[in-house]
Amino acid sequence: MNMNTHTSTRELYRNRDNSPLDRFQIRRVAPSVFADREDESRSKKYRFVSSDSLLDQMEEAGFLVVGAQEQRTRKPDGTPTRKHLIRFAHRDVLEHHREQRIEVVMINSHNGSCSYQLMAGIFRLVCTNGLIVGARIAAINICHMGHTGEDVIAASLQLASETPRIMDDIRRMQGVKLPYKRQVDFVHEAAQLRMGDDYEDRIRPEALLSPRRWNDIGFTAGGPATVWQCFNRVQENLIRGGVPLKPQKDGVYRRRSLRALNGIDGNTRLNRELWDLADSYALNN
């Protein structure tokens, strides 16, 4: 590894009262949003897409920033051009849907590490948890060549128009109950998505069904649960971590727990795969 660089990713930042972020907060958390040029490694064909100007255009269209995150790798000169994630909510949604809302998730960079990506997200106030909708609801990728800011706004509005379809998916998940055996099947598949084929050597999968708060229990342990309840509980435990891991086989006791998954790529991938898994259980049970 280059000793002049350091890579980490902070957890997604939101205001505690779930109000929109101002520019000072966004700059503090994700300075790459305000880059005024692409990374020097990019070719002349590269089309710089200013995330800053897109914030202005999104705000004009009614979308406000409610979450921000950045991959914290910087070049030695300190120029921030790295991958960043912004979550938007429409002002009408913020006013009328505080318990659960649809969000537009934007991922961008100025160093060629990713295309401009848009996807739908879900925010649940009870756990301040950010889900990301899976592949059945189309995500939008825009290459950094040959497009305009207007294209990006149009794509965001197109994604926001999928809200009724997303709500239909949620209602279907809420309407399908899983017996405990099927919940265990779900959690085994979910653990494999996060931890790979050797997941049973590292964790007791059933532990991922444990609630994180008293008012999120929702059903009797060992009894039936809706796909939505099962999905949200497992998703939060896999993303936020803290679930105890099995002791290592060297005979030395160590208190270990699953780490939080804060990286933009890993978090987004797992979130979308878990949504698709839950969607399949709702459709096939």
Protein backbone atom coordinates (compact mmCIF):
# COMPACT_ATOMS: atom_id res chain seq x y z
CA MET A 1 0.00 0.00 0.00
CA ASN A 2 1.18 3.53 -0.75
CA MET A 3 2.24 4.99 2.58
CA ASN A 4 1.05 8.42 1.43
CA THR A 5 -2.58 7.36 1.21
CA HIS A 6 -5.10 6.11 3.71
CA THR A 7 -8.46 4.53 2.97
CA SER A 8 -11.46 4.24 5.25
CA THR A 9 -15.14 5.04 5.09
CA ARG A 10 -17.18 6.81 7.72
CA GLU A 11 -20.69 5.70 8.55
CA LEU A 12 -23.41 7.56 6.68
CA TYR A 13 -24.05 10.87 8.44
CA ARG A 14 -27.59 12.08 9.16
CA ASN A 15 -28.97 14.72 11.49
CA ARG A 16 -30.43 13.24 14.66
CA ASP A 17 -33.77 14.93 14.01
CA ASN A 18 -33.68 13.70 10.38
CA SER A 19 -33.75 17.26 9.06
CA PRO A 20 -31.94 18.12 5.79
CA LEU A 21 -28.17 18.68 5.89
CA ASP A 22 -26.79 22.12 5.08
CA ARG A 23 -23.75 22.72 2.86
CA PHE A 24 -21.39 23.10 5.82
CA GLN A 25 -22.37 19.67 7.15
CA ILE A 26 -22.04 18.06 3.72
CA ARG A 27 -18.60 19.63 3.17
CA ARG A 28 -17.39 18.42 6.56
CA VAL A 29 -18.53 14.84 5.93
CA ALA A 30 -17.98 14.53 2.17
CA PRO A 31 -15.63 17.23 0.81
CA SER A 32 -15.35 15.47 -2.57
CA VAL A 33 -18.90 16.63 -3.30
CA PHE A 34 -17.47 20.13 -3.75
CA ALA A 35 -14.53 19.26 -6.03
CA ASP A 36 -14.29 21.73 -8.92
CA ARG A 37 -12.36 19.46 -11.30
CA GLU A 38 -11.70 15.81 -11.99
CA ASP A 39 -8.67 13.94 -10.71
CA GLU A 40 -5.52 14.62 -12.73
CA SER A 41 -5.38 10.96 -13.74
CA ARG A 42 -8.48 11.31 -15.94
CA SER A 43 -8.25 11.58 -19.74
CA LYS A 44 -9.59 14.44 -21.88
CA LYS A 45 -12.64 12.32 -22.74
CA TYR A 46 -13.72 12.28 -19.12
CA ARG A 47 -16.79 14.44 -18.46
CA PHE A 48 -16.57 16.06 -15.04
CA VAL A 49 -19.93 15.94 -13.27
CA SER A 50 -19.99 18.42 -10.41
CA SER A 51 -21.84 16.90 -7.49
CA ASP A 52 -22.09 20.40 -6.02
CA SER A 53 -24.02 21.77 -9.00
CA LEU A 54 -26.21 18.67 -8.98
CA LEU A 55 -27.15 19.43 -5.38
CA ASP A 56 -28.44 22.82 -6.58
CA GLN A 57 -30.42 21.25 -9.41
CA MET A 58 -31.83 18.53 -7.18
CA GLU A 59 -32.91 21.16 -4.65
CA GLU A 60 -34.67 23.12 -7.40
CA ALA A 61 -36.53 19.88 -8.23
CA GLY A 62 -37.55 19.54 -4.56
CA PHE A 63 -34.94 17.02 -3.37
CA LEU A 64 -33.01 17.84 -0.17
CA VAL A 65 -29.88 16.13 1.18
CA VAL A 66 -30.65 13.96 4.21
CA GLY A 67 -27.48 11.82 4.35
CA ALA A 68 -23.85 12.00 3.21
CA GLN A 69 -20.81 9.72 3.24
CA GLU A 70 -17.37 9.65 1.61
CA GLN A 71 -14.64 7.10 1.04
CA ARG A 72 -11.90 8.85 2.97
CA THR A 73 -8.91 8.17 0.72
CA ARG A 74 -6.99 11.29 -0.21
CA LYS A 75 -4.04 11.97 -2.44
CA PRO A 76 -0.92 13.46 -0.81
CA ASP A 77 -1.90 16.96 -1.99
CA GLY A 78 -5.19 16.67 -0.13
CA THR A 79 -7.41 17.07 -3.21
CA PRO A 80 -10.71 15.31 -2.45
CA THR A 81 -12.02 13.56 -5.57
CA ARG A 82 -13.07 10.24 -4.07
CA LYS A 83 -16.24 8.21 -4.15
CA HIS A 84 -19.10 9.71 -2.18
CA LEU A 85 -22.72 8.86 -1.45
CA ILE A 86 -25.60 11.29 -1.00
CA ARG A 87 -29.15 10.41 0.02
CA PHE A 88 -31.97 12.76 -1.04
CA ALA A 89 -35.58 12.97 0.09
CA HIS A 90 -38.24 15.10 -1.56
CA ARG A 91 -39.43 17.94 0.67
CA ASP A 92 -43.04 16.74 0.40
CA VAL A 93 -41.98 13.30 1.63
CA LEU A 94 -40.07 14.84 4.55
CA GLU A 95 -43.19 16.72 5.63
CA HIS A 96 -45.70 13.89 5.35
CA HIS A 97 -43.84 10.57 5.67
CA ARG A 98 -41.56 10.74 8.69
CA GLU A 99 -41.85 7.11 9.85
CA GLN A 100 -40.82 5.55 6.55
CA ARG A 101 -39.89 7.23 3.29
CA ILE A 102 -38.47 6.68 -0.17
CA GLU A 103 -35.07 8.27 -0.85
CA VAL A 104 -32.92 8.75 -3.95
CA VAL A 105 -29.38 7.43 -3.41
CA MET A 106 -26.60 9.02 -5.48
CA ILE A 107 -23.06 7.64 -5.74
CA ASN A 108 -20.44 9.62 -7.66
CA SER A 109 -16.69 10.19 -7.85
CA HIS A 110 -14.30 12.48 -9.70
CA ASN A 111 -11.42 10.02 -10.02
CA GLY A 112 -12.90 7.37 -12.30
CA SER A 113 -13.56 4.88 -9.50
CA CYS A 114 -17.25 4.66 -10.41
CA SER A 115 -19.88 5.91 -12.80
CA TYR A 116 -22.61 8.26 -11.62
CA GLN A 117 -25.16 5.93 -10.00
CA LEU A 118 -28.72 6.48 -8.88
CA MET A 119 -30.86 3.99 -7.00
CA ALA A 120 -33.87 4.01 -4.72
CA GLY A 121 -33.59 3.74 -0.96
CA ILE A 122 -35.90 3.33 2.03
CA PHE A 123 -35.46 5.12 5.36
CA ARG A 124 -37.04 3.76 8.57
CA LEU A 125 -37.21 6.25 11.44
CA VAL A 126 -37.48 3.53 14.11
CA CYS A 127 -33.89 2.47 13.49
CA THR A 128 -32.59 5.37 11.32
CA ASN A 129 -31.73 2.55 8.96
CA GLY A 130 -31.09 3.07 5.25
CA LEU A 131 -32.22 0.22 3.02
CA ILE A 132 -31.43 0.19 -0.70
CA VAL A 133 -33.90 -1.24 -3.18
CA GLY A 134 -32.77 -4.24 -5.21
CA ALA A 135 -32.32 -4.92 -8.89
CA ARG A 136 -35.99 -5.42 -9.77
CA ILE A 137 -36.40 -1.64 -9.43
CA ALA A 138 -33.99 -0.30 -12.03
CA ALA A 139 -30.87 1.50 -10.86
CA ILE A 140 -29.42 4.08 -13.24
CA ASN A 141 -25.75 4.29 -14.18
CA ILE A 142 -24.50 7.32 -16.09
CA CYS A 143 -21.00 7.24 -17.54
CA HIS A 144 -18.81 10.32 -17.07
CA MET A 145 -18.82 10.93 -20.82
CA GLY A 146 -21.36 12.55 -23.13
CA HIS A 147 -24.21 13.58 -20.85
CA THR A 148 -25.52 16.72 -19.16
CA GLY A 149 -26.65 17.66 -15.68
CA GLU A 150 -30.20 17.74 -17.03
CA ASP A 151 -29.87 14.03 -17.84
CA VAL A 152 -29.05 13.33 -14.22
CA ILE A 153 -32.03 15.31 -12.90
CA ALA A 154 -34.35 13.55 -15.35
CA ALA A 155 -32.98 10.20 -14.17
CA SER A 156 -33.55 11.18 -10.52
CA LEU A 157 -37.15 12.14 -11.23
CA GLN A 158 -37.64 8.89 -13.14
CA LEU A 159 -36.36 6.95 -10.13
CA ALA A 160 -38.57 8.91 -7.75
CA SER A 161 -41.57 8.04 -9.92
CA GLU A 162 -41.01 4.38 -8.96
CA THR A 163 -42.30 5.14 -5.44
CA PRO A 164 -45.72 3.44 -5.94
CA ARG A 165 -44.02 0.28 -7.20
CA ILE A 166 -41.62 0.24 -4.26
CA MET A 167 -44.48 0.70 -1.80
CA ASP A 168 -46.28 -2.21 -3.48
CA ASP A 169 -43.18 -4.36 -2.88
CA ILE A 170 -43.10 -3.32 0.79
CA ARG A 171 -46.80 -4.09 1.26
CA ARG A 172 -46.28 -7.50 -0.29
CA MET A 173 -43.40 -8.22 2.13
CA GLN A 174 -45.59 -7.05 5.02
CA GLY A 175 -48.41 -9.33 3.90
CA VAL A 176 -46.47 -12.61 3.72
CA LYS A 177 -45.79 -14.48 6.97
CA LEU A 178 -42.89 -16.87 7.33
CA PRO A 179 -42.88 -19.76 9.79
CA TYR A 180 -39.75 -19.89 11.92
CA LYS A 181 -38.18 -22.57 9.71
CA ARG A 182 -38.40 -20.27 6.67
CA GLN A 183 -36.94 -17.41 8.71
CA VAL A 184 -33.97 -19.64 9.47
CA ASP A 185 -33.65 -20.44 5.75
CA PHE A 186 -33.67 -16.70 5.03
CA VAL A 187 -31.04 -15.89 7.62
CA HIS A 188 -28.70 -18.61 6.35
CA GLU A 189 -28.89 -17.19 2.81
CA ALA A 190 -28.41 -13.66 4.15
CA ALA A 191 -25.37 -14.62 6.24
CA GLN A 192 -23.77 -16.24 3.20
CA LEU A 193 -24.20 -13.00 1.23
CA ARG A 194 -22.25 -11.08 3.89
CA MET A 195 -19.71 -13.67 5.05
CA GLY A 196 -19.23 -16.19 2.26
CA ASP A 197 -19.55 -19.98 2.17
CA ASP A 198 -17.84 -20.48 5.55
CA TYR A 199 -20.34 -18.29 7.43
CA GLU A 200 -21.39 -21.15 9.75
CA ASP A 201 -17.80 -21.42 11.00
CA ARG A 202 -17.91 -17.76 12.04
CA ILE A 203 -21.42 -17.03 13.27
CA ARG A 204 -24.58 -18.69 14.53
CA PRO A 205 -26.97 -17.45 11.81
CA GLU A 206 -30.06 -17.55 14.05
CA ALA A 207 -28.45 -14.78 16.13
CA LEU A 208 -29.13 -12.43 13.22
CA LEU A 209 -32.87 -12.70 14.01
CA SER A 210 -32.35 -11.05 17.41
CA PRO A 211 -34.13 -7.66 17.78
CA ARG A 212 -31.99 -4.60 18.54
CA ARG A 213 -34.69 -2.69 20.46
CA TRP A 214 -37.67 -3.68 22.59
CA ASN A 215 -40.29 -2.02 20.34
CA ASP A 216 -39.01 -3.83 17.25
CA ILE A 217 -39.82 -7.32 18.54
CA GLY A 218 -43.10 -7.57 16.62
CA PHE A 219 -43.58 -11.31 17.12
CA THR A 220 -42.91 -14.14 19.52
CA ALA A 221 -39.45 -15.70 19.30
CA GLY A 222 -39.74 -18.91 17.33
CA GLY A 223 -43.13 -17.88 15.96
CA PRO A 224 -44.15 -16.56 12.54
CA ALA A 225 -42.97 -13.20 11.22
CA THR A 226 -43.63 -11.23 8.07
CA VAL A 227 -40.97 -11.12 5.38
CA TRP A 228 -40.64 -7.37 6.09
CA GLN A 229 -39.99 -7.94 9.82
CA CYS A 230 -37.48 -10.70 9.14
CA PHE A 231 -35.73 -8.73 6.41
CA ASN A 232 -35.37 -5.53 8.44
CA ARG A 233 -34.06 -7.32 11.51
CA VAL A 234 -31.48 -9.35 9.58
CA GLN A 235 -30.46 -6.39 7.41
CA GLU A 236 -29.80 -4.16 10.41
CA ASN A 237 -27.76 -6.82 12.21
CA LEU A 238 -25.65 -7.58 9.13
CA ILE A 239 -25.05 -3.92 8.25
CA ARG A 240 -24.55 -2.46 11.73
CA GLY A 241 -22.74 -5.47 13.16
CA GLY A 242 -22.33 -6.17 16.84
CA VAL A 243 -23.68 -9.74 16.61
CA PRO A 244 -21.41 -12.14 18.57
CA LEU A 245 -19.10 -14.32 16.49
CA LYS A 246 -18.17 -17.89 17.36
CA PRO A 247 -14.95 -18.46 19.37
CA GLN A 248 -11.88 -19.16 17.29
CA LYS A 249 -10.77 -22.79 17.12
CA ASP A 250 -7.35 -22.15 18.66
CA GLY A 251 -8.85 -22.60 22.12
CA VAL A 252 -8.18 -18.98 23.15
CA TYR A 253 -11.34 -17.14 24.19
CA ARG A 254 -11.77 -13.76 22.57
CA ARG A 255 -14.90 -11.64 22.77
CA ARG A 256 -15.53 -10.87 19.12
CA SER A 257 -18.48 -9.47 17.20
CA LEU A 258 -19.40 -8.83 13.59
CA ARG A 259 -18.03 -5.50 12.35
CA ALA A 260 -20.27 -2.81 10.91
CA LEU A 261 -20.25 -2.66 7.12
CA ASN A 262 -19.62 1.04 6.45
CA GLY A 263 -17.85 0.92 3.07
CA ILE A 264 -19.92 2.45 0.26
CA ASP A 265 -19.43 -0.46 -2.15
CA GLY A 266 -19.91 -3.29 0.35
CA ASN A 267 -22.85 -1.64 2.10
CA THR A 268 -24.64 -0.88 -1.18
CA ARG A 269 -24.03 -4.35 -2.62
CA LEU A 270 -25.25 -6.19 0.47
CA ASN A 271 -28.27 -3.92 0.91
CA ARG A 272 -29.43 -4.54 -2.65
CA GLU A 273 -28.81 -8.28 -2.46
CA LEU A 274 -30.77 -8.53 0.80
CA TRP A 275 -33.68 -6.64 -0.75
CA ASP A 276 -33.72 -9.03 -3.70
CA LEU A 277 -33.59 -12.00 -1.30
CA ALA A 278 -36.53 -10.66 0.71
CA ASP A 279 -38.41 -9.89 -2.50
CA SER A 280 -37.98 -13.49 -3.64
CA TYR A 281 -39.33 -14.80 -0.32
CA ALA A 282 -42.37 -12.53 -0.60
CA LEU A 283 -43.05 -13.71 -4.14
CA ASN A 284 -42.53 -17.43 -3.49
CA ASN A 285 -44.10 -18.09 -0.08
